[in-house]
Structures are given as structure tokens and as C-alpha cells.
Amino acid sequence: MRSAAVCNRAALHSAQRLAQIGDVRVAYHDEGTGPAVLLLHGCPFASFVWRRLIPQLAPTHRCIAPDLLGLGDTETPAGADWSLSAQADTMIQLLDFLGIERAHLLGHDHGGAIAQVLAARHPARVDRLVLTDAEAYDNWPSAEERPFVRITQLPLVGDLVLWLWSRRVVLRATLVRAKAVHDARALSPEFIDLLVRANLSDRRRRAKTKRFLAGQFEPCNNRVTLDIIDGLRRFDHPTLLIWAENDAHFGPEWGERLRREIPGAQRLEILPATGHLLMEERPEKLAALVRDFLA
């Protein structure tokens, strides 16, 4: 099992592409043919979270999965803006770089917040919208995750905690305690290894992750998901909300609120016995829902 995980990590890394956008180097995956789907991951993960979904969508859709600013293999100059607005602007620039005028959006967690910004501010660039367990309104960082984020910002202690999280056993235990999944068995060794490699494997990556997490508490950043509500209320493109029933961070009530808010929202799908990382616990069901909706 360990050797297979190593092979999968190597395959993921070798398939990665790079887009130089100004002084930002965006790492992304580009697989499949057909209408484009931009897949936006959450915090503090990277594009690897879509590795079980992309093969199921790629036969009918071109899947573009970037690493967000500040996470994974995307690199920016020191002190660059990693706010929600900057993330959204970079995604528009990535679509321009790839020659994609209009794309479907699939956003999870922080990526779901970015997808909302894109839908509200750039509706002409968005075809259909899928939101899953997304940061929205004033619900982030969630009450469950705040202690884990705050400890990373403590002098000296924060650096030690991030180093401890680079130890696979500790990281897995932390994710279980943080209720990232409903069933701890869903946290495979491959997932843990990919998360370590993306954001915790060396001092530089841990420093990036620490700074990214600090942005979760910036009031001007948190306000963005409230400021765009008027734009979302005008977004009438077909929209699907898929939510994990047992998400301890952003429960289904947030999906229901978004369903009422977005004119194009057709329905809210609830996945039973599923936690926040629904693409790990229910990849086949998630893929089927997304594929049917986009078709």
C-alpha cells in the first residue's frame, strides 16, 4: 500500500503544469476534454483533494484544478496578496492564460468562497456553479477549526505545532480530532502523505501554511463573503449545492441558506454519514451528482 501511495504521489506531481501569471507561478492540473470545469480546493489543502474526482469527470469535461495562492506548489513573491479577492482575480487570469472564456465552477470550503466571489463579480465567466461545504457569510473560520488555526499563530509554539503536523501519525490524529471526516477510515495514508508534501514537508512550506492560516482571521478578508451577497442574489445560472450531513464545520444549514439566496440554485443534495472532506468519503457519489448536473 505504501509503494502504491508513493507511485500515486509521483504521478500527481509529474502531471502538474505551471502557468506564469505576472509574478505568480500557478501550479495546476489540466485533464480531460470537453467543457471546462474549474475545481477549487479548500484550506489548508491543495489540488490533490480532487484526485479521486477528476478521473470520473475527465471523460466528458476538461478539469482544471489549481493550487490556491499560498498553498501547494503555487508560488508568489514574499508578501503577496492571498485574500479571497486576490484568489478570485488569479483564477480569472488562469482562465485567460488557458484561453477559457467560460467555465463551470466546483468549489469546496475556501474554494467554495472563491467560487462565490467569481459568481458574484464575474458571472459572465461562469457557466454552472457547484458549491460543497463552503465558507460563506460570516461562518469562517468555523468554531471547530479556530483553536487549531490560532495555535499555529503563537510565537515558537506555532512553528512547533506545524512541524509536528508534518509527522504523519500526528497529522492524521489532528484531522480526526478536528472532525475533517465522519469516518476516520476515510483518511487514507495517501491523503495524509499528499497533504504533508503539499503544505508541511519543509520549513518554507510550513511558513506559507502559517501565513495562509493567519489570513483566516483578517476582518477585511472575512467580510468578502458577506459583501458579495447582493451579487449572489443576482446570479441566476444553474447552481447545485452538495453538502455533507455530518460536517462539523459548515453544516447543511449553510447550504440551505445559500440555496434560498441564489436564484439559480436548483436543489440542495445532502450526503448522509459524511464529513467535511466529502470528496474523500463519497467520491463516487459526489462525481455522479456533479457529472449529472453538468450534463
Foldseek 3Di string as FASTA:
>chain_A
DVVVLVVVLVVVVVQWDWDCDPQKIKIKHWAADEAEEEEEEAPPFAQCLCVLQCVLCRPHYTYIGIGAPLWFPIDHPPPDDRFLVVRLVVVVSVCVRVVQQAHAYEYAASRLLSQLVCCLPPVRRYAEYEYENYDADLQPPHPLCVVVLVQLQDPPSNLVVLQQCLPLVSVLVVCVSSQQKLDSVLCDPSNSNNRSNIARVDDVSVVSSNVVSVSRPDVVRSCSRVVSLVSQQVRQHAYEYEYECPAPRRHCVVVVVSLVRHNNYDDYHYDYSIYRSCCSVPVPVVSVVVNVSVD
